Amino acid sequence: MKLLYIKAALLNMTLLSFVDDGTILAQSKQLDDNNVGLRKAYKITYLLFVAFALVLEHDKTELFHFSCRRDAYNPSLDLGYAPHTGATPLKPKTYWRYLGFYFDHGLTFQEHVRYYATKAFTTVQAMRMLGNSTRGLSPKQRRLLYQVGAMNQLKQMQHKAALWITGAFRTSPTGGLEALAGLIPVHLMLKKLATRAVYRVATLSDTHPLRSTMGEGLLKRATPHARSAALMTPAM
């Protein structure tokens, strides 16, 4: 990282490292300027990898533009660097999945909502078959089934994690495994995370950037962002 900063000092690039993953950030008023800087920074990164006898996997490299302009996104732009062919293996993507979130180029989170809504809709569609019997299910039973179905997926994930931690048999009860592994039950963990999120907001400074995206009661002295909850209509 130090060598990259030295070699790319004039490119005005920022590098973030996550152990075995990294992100190169570029910011300018024109996408073409970003492309030039990213291409040069990627070339420097590639050559550094070669110098250290490492392999930079092009197929795992992603590039994404964020822009407030509706006409700014151009999927035909070449961004990467292929030293042997002269062509680039990298193209801008219509959306970007990162740490469980789906980002589009305007940061509207429409793709994120669409993905998880589709996932939930598929589950609900499968549940509808249970209501086609002669007796059927009451609305209360269907609501409970939907909640239990979502919660069971989280419980299955935690059960597998507890098995991995403890090395116990697959038939071991989840409650006992959670106690041995020191894991909080899922429903209590969700409640804890929700409560902690509220406390964290209260500790932010009055001008913290996150406050600019919140509602009027939480803005304090922060300037509302263009997509701030404070500027949204009741329908939005």
Protein backbone atom coordinates (compact mmCIF):
# COMPACT_ATOMS: atom_id res chain seq x y z
CA MET A 1 0.00 0.00 0.00
CA LYS A 2 2.85 2.36 0.80
CA LEU A 3 4.49 1.69 -2.56
CA LEU A 4 1.21 2.27 -4.37
CA TYR A 5 0.72 5.61 -2.62
CA ILE A 6 4.24 6.66 -3.62
CA LYS A 7 3.88 5.61 -7.26
CA ALA A 8 0.33 6.94 -7.62
CA ALA A 9 0.82 10.17 -5.64
CA LEU A 10 -0.12 12.37 -8.62
CA LEU A 11 -3.28 10.38 -9.41
CA ASN A 12 -5.15 11.55 -6.28
CA MET A 13 -6.31 8.01 -5.50
CA THR A 14 -7.25 6.46 -2.16
CA LEU A 15 -6.64 2.80 -1.35
CA LEU A 16 -8.64 0.87 1.24
CA SER A 17 -7.43 -2.57 2.30
CA PHE A 18 -9.52 -5.33 3.88
CA VAL A 19 -6.96 -8.10 4.57
CA ASP A 20 -7.41 -10.06 1.33
CA ASP A 21 -9.50 -7.46 -0.47
CA GLY A 22 -8.87 -3.88 -1.51
CA THR A 23 -10.67 -0.89 -2.99
CA ILE A 24 -9.24 1.94 -5.08
CA LEU A 25 -11.29 5.13 -4.84
CA ALA A 26 -11.24 7.95 -7.39
CA GLN A 27 -13.25 11.17 -7.32
CA SER A 28 -13.52 13.78 -10.07
CA LYS A 29 -16.07 15.88 -11.93
CA GLN A 30 -15.86 13.78 -15.10
CA LEU A 31 -16.16 10.02 -15.50
CA ASP A 32 -13.47 10.14 -18.18
CA ASP A 33 -11.04 11.59 -15.63
CA ASN A 34 -11.91 8.77 -13.25
CA ASN A 35 -11.30 6.22 -15.98
CA VAL A 36 -7.83 7.54 -16.74
CA GLY A 37 -6.84 7.58 -13.06
CA LEU A 38 -8.27 4.15 -12.33
CA ARG A 39 -6.57 2.63 -15.37
CA LYS A 40 -3.19 4.00 -14.28
CA ALA A 41 -3.70 2.99 -10.63
CA TYR A 42 -4.75 -0.51 -11.68
CA LYS A 43 -1.64 -0.80 -13.88
CA ILE A 44 0.59 0.27 -10.96
CA THR A 45 -1.14 -2.28 -8.71
CA TYR A 46 -0.69 -5.03 -11.29
CA LEU A 47 3.02 -4.31 -11.74
CA LEU A 48 3.55 -4.28 -7.97
CA PHE A 49 1.91 -7.70 -7.73
CA VAL A 50 4.17 -9.00 -10.46
CA ALA A 51 7.24 -7.58 -8.70
CA PHE A 52 6.29 -9.47 -5.53
CA ALA A 53 5.56 -12.68 -7.48
CA LEU A 54 1.83 -12.41 -6.71
CA VAL A 55 -1.19 -12.86 -8.96
CA LEU A 56 -3.82 -10.16 -9.43
CA GLU A 57 -7.03 -11.92 -10.45
CA HIS A 58 -8.81 -9.82 -13.07
CA ASP A 59 -12.02 -11.85 -12.85
CA LYS A 60 -12.39 -10.85 -9.19
CA THR A 61 -11.80 -7.17 -9.85
CA GLU A 62 -14.85 -4.89 -10.00
CA LEU A 63 -15.19 -1.22 -10.89
CA PHE A 64 -18.20 0.97 -10.27
CA HIS A 65 -19.13 4.61 -10.86
CA PHE A 66 -21.33 6.61 -8.48
CA SER A 67 -22.88 9.71 -10.03
CA CYS A 68 -25.78 12.09 -9.38
CA ARG A 69 -26.31 12.53 -13.13
CA ARG A 70 -28.91 10.33 -14.80
CA ASP A 71 -27.00 10.22 -18.08
CA ALA A 72 -23.55 9.68 -16.57
CA TYR A 73 -23.44 5.90 -16.65
CA ASN A 74 -21.88 4.44 -19.78
CA PRO A 75 -21.44 0.63 -19.67
CA SER A 76 -19.19 0.67 -22.73
CA LEU A 77 -16.30 2.45 -21.01
CA ASP A 78 -13.01 0.54 -20.68
CA LEU A 79 -11.45 0.83 -17.24
CA GLY A 80 -9.01 -2.00 -16.67
CA TYR A 81 -5.55 -3.00 -17.81
CA ALA A 82 -4.48 -6.19 -19.57
CA PRO A 83 -0.71 -6.02 -20.16
CA HIS A 84 -0.45 -8.87 -22.64
CA THR A 85 -3.38 -8.23 -24.97
CA GLY A 86 -3.66 -4.46 -24.69
CA ALA A 87 -7.40 -4.90 -24.06
CA THR A 88 -9.17 -4.45 -20.76
CA PRO A 89 -11.00 -7.23 -18.87
CA LEU A 90 -12.91 -4.70 -16.74
CA LYS A 91 -16.26 -3.06 -17.49
CA PRO A 92 -18.55 -0.88 -15.34
CA LYS A 93 -21.42 -2.77 -13.72
CA THR A 94 -25.08 -1.75 -13.52
CA TYR A 95 -25.06 -2.49 -9.80
CA TRP A 96 -22.50 -3.56 -7.23
CA ARG A 97 -22.91 -6.06 -4.39
CA TYR A 98 -20.68 -5.27 -1.43
CA LEU A 99 -20.91 -6.52 2.18
CA GLY A 100 -24.47 -7.70 1.64
CA PHE A 101 -25.70 -4.47 0.04
CA TYR A 102 -26.59 -3.81 -3.59
CA PHE A 103 -25.57 -0.35 -4.83
CA ASP A 104 -26.65 1.27 -8.11
CA HIS A 105 -24.76 4.15 -9.68
CA GLY A 106 -27.12 6.76 -8.18
CA LEU A 107 -27.13 5.26 -4.67
CA THR A 108 -30.92 4.94 -4.78
CA PHE A 109 -30.77 1.42 -3.25
CA GLN A 110 -33.49 0.35 -5.69
CA GLU A 111 -31.53 -2.76 -6.66
CA HIS A 112 -31.00 -3.63 -2.98
CA VAL A 113 -34.73 -3.34 -2.29
CA ARG A 114 -35.61 -5.22 -5.49
CA TYR A 115 -33.29 -8.14 -4.64
CA TYR A 116 -34.56 -8.71 -1.13
CA ALA A 117 -38.17 -8.02 -2.07
CA THR A 118 -37.90 -10.66 -4.81
CA LYS A 119 -36.33 -13.07 -2.35
CA ALA A 120 -39.13 -12.49 0.16
CA PHE A 121 -41.77 -12.68 -2.60
CA THR A 122 -40.46 -16.07 -3.72
CA THR A 123 -40.77 -17.35 -0.15
CA VAL A 124 -44.30 -15.99 0.16
CA GLN A 125 -45.28 -17.54 -3.17
CA ALA A 126 -44.14 -20.92 -1.87
CA MET A 127 -46.18 -20.40 1.29
CA ARG A 128 -49.32 -19.69 -0.75
CA MET A 129 -49.49 -23.37 -1.69
CA LEU A 130 -50.23 -24.13 1.96
CA GLY A 131 -53.39 -22.05 1.73
CA ASN A 132 -54.82 -23.98 -1.23
CA SER A 133 -56.00 -26.93 0.87
CA THR A 134 -59.68 -27.50 1.67
CA ARG A 135 -59.47 -25.89 5.09
CA GLY A 136 -56.74 -23.41 4.30
CA LEU A 137 -54.84 -21.18 6.71
CA SER A 138 -56.22 -18.20 8.59
CA PRO A 139 -54.56 -14.76 8.16
CA LYS A 140 -53.12 -15.07 11.67
CA GLN A 141 -51.59 -18.46 10.85
CA ARG A 142 -50.16 -17.14 7.56
CA ARG A 143 -48.59 -14.15 9.31
CA LEU A 144 -47.02 -16.45 11.90
CA LEU A 145 -45.75 -18.80 9.18
CA TYR A 146 -44.10 -15.91 7.33
CA GLN A 147 -42.35 -14.68 10.48
CA VAL A 148 -41.25 -18.18 11.50
CA GLY A 149 -39.97 -18.91 7.99
CA ALA A 150 -37.69 -15.87 7.99
CA MET A 151 -36.52 -16.54 11.53
CA ASN A 152 -35.84 -20.22 10.82
CA GLN A 153 -33.38 -19.28 8.08
CA LEU A 154 -31.40 -17.24 10.58
CA LYS A 155 -31.58 -20.02 13.16
CA GLN A 156 -30.30 -22.58 10.66
CA MET A 157 -27.37 -20.29 9.89
CA GLN A 158 -26.57 -19.95 13.60
CA HIS A 159 -26.92 -23.70 14.15
CA LYS A 160 -24.32 -24.37 11.44
CA ALA A 161 -22.00 -21.76 12.96
CA ALA A 162 -22.38 -23.32 16.42
CA LEU A 163 -21.58 -26.78 15.00
CA TRP A 164 -18.45 -25.38 13.37
CA ILE A 165 -17.33 -23.65 16.58
CA THR A 166 -17.95 -26.56 18.94
CA GLY A 167 -17.29 -29.49 16.60
CA ALA A 168 -20.44 -31.17 17.91
CA PHE A 169 -22.67 -33.69 16.11
CA ARG A 170 -25.21 -32.38 13.60
CA THR A 171 -28.08 -33.71 15.70
CA SER A 172 -27.06 -31.67 18.76
CA PRO A 173 -29.80 -29.27 19.99
CA THR A 174 -29.34 -25.65 18.94
CA GLY A 175 -29.95 -24.25 22.43
CA GLY A 176 -27.18 -26.30 23.99
CA LEU A 177 -24.79 -25.53 21.14
CA GLU A 178 -25.46 -21.78 21.50
CA ALA A 179 -24.68 -21.99 25.21
CA LEU A 180 -21.44 -23.92 24.65
CA ALA A 181 -20.33 -21.62 21.82
CA GLY A 182 -21.27 -18.46 23.71
CA LEU A 183 -23.74 -17.34 21.03
CA ILE A 184 -26.83 -15.26 21.79
CA PRO A 185 -30.13 -16.67 20.41
CA VAL A 186 -31.06 -15.04 17.11
CA HIS A 187 -34.21 -13.24 18.31
CA LEU A 188 -32.31 -11.72 21.22
CA MET A 189 -29.42 -10.77 18.94
CA LEU A 190 -31.78 -8.92 16.59
CA LYS A 191 -33.30 -7.06 19.52
CA LYS A 192 -29.82 -6.20 20.81
CA LEU A 193 -28.68 -4.90 17.41
CA ALA A 194 -31.78 -2.75 17.02
CA THR A 195 -31.35 -1.23 20.49
CA ARG A 196 -27.63 -0.66 19.94
CA ALA A 197 -28.33 1.10 16.63
CA VAL A 198 -30.58 3.59 18.43
CA TYR A 199 -27.91 4.23 21.07
CA ARG A 200 -25.22 4.75 18.41
CA VAL A 201 -27.25 7.42 16.66
CA ALA A 202 -27.58 9.28 19.95
CA THR A 203 -23.79 9.37 20.37
CA LEU A 204 -23.07 10.90 16.95
CA SER A 205 -21.85 14.48 16.87
CA ASP A 206 -24.33 17.15 15.78
CA THR A 207 -22.57 17.54 12.41
CA HIS A 208 -21.80 13.86 11.74
CA PRO A 209 -22.26 12.95 8.01
CA LEU A 210 -24.69 10.16 8.88
CA ARG A 211 -27.08 12.67 10.41
CA SER A 212 -27.47 14.32 7.00
CA THR A 213 -29.40 11.24 5.80
CA MET A 214 -31.77 11.05 8.77
CA GLY A 215 -35.12 12.60 9.61
CA GLU A 216 -35.78 16.04 11.04
CA GLY A 217 -35.63 14.91 14.66
CA LEU A 218 -32.11 13.50 14.20
CA LEU A 219 -30.54 16.05 11.84
CA LYS A 220 -29.22 18.34 14.60
CA ARG A 221 -26.78 20.76 12.88
CA ALA A 222 -26.06 18.54 9.87
CA THR A 223 -27.04 19.74 6.38
CA PRO A 224 -29.69 17.42 4.85
CA HIS A 225 -28.44 15.23 2.01
CA ALA A 226 -30.31 15.28 -1.29
CA ARG A 227 -31.80 11.90 -0.37
CA SER A 228 -32.22 12.62 3.32
CA ALA A 229 -35.25 11.20 5.09
CA ALA A 230 -35.99 14.75 6.22
CA LEU A 231 -36.67 15.77 2.61
CA MET A 232 -38.85 12.79 1.74
CA THR A 233 -42.61 13.10 1.36
CA PRO A 234 -44.85 10.93 3.54
CA ALA A 235 -45.47 8.65 0.53
CA MET A 236 -41.73 8.17 -0.04
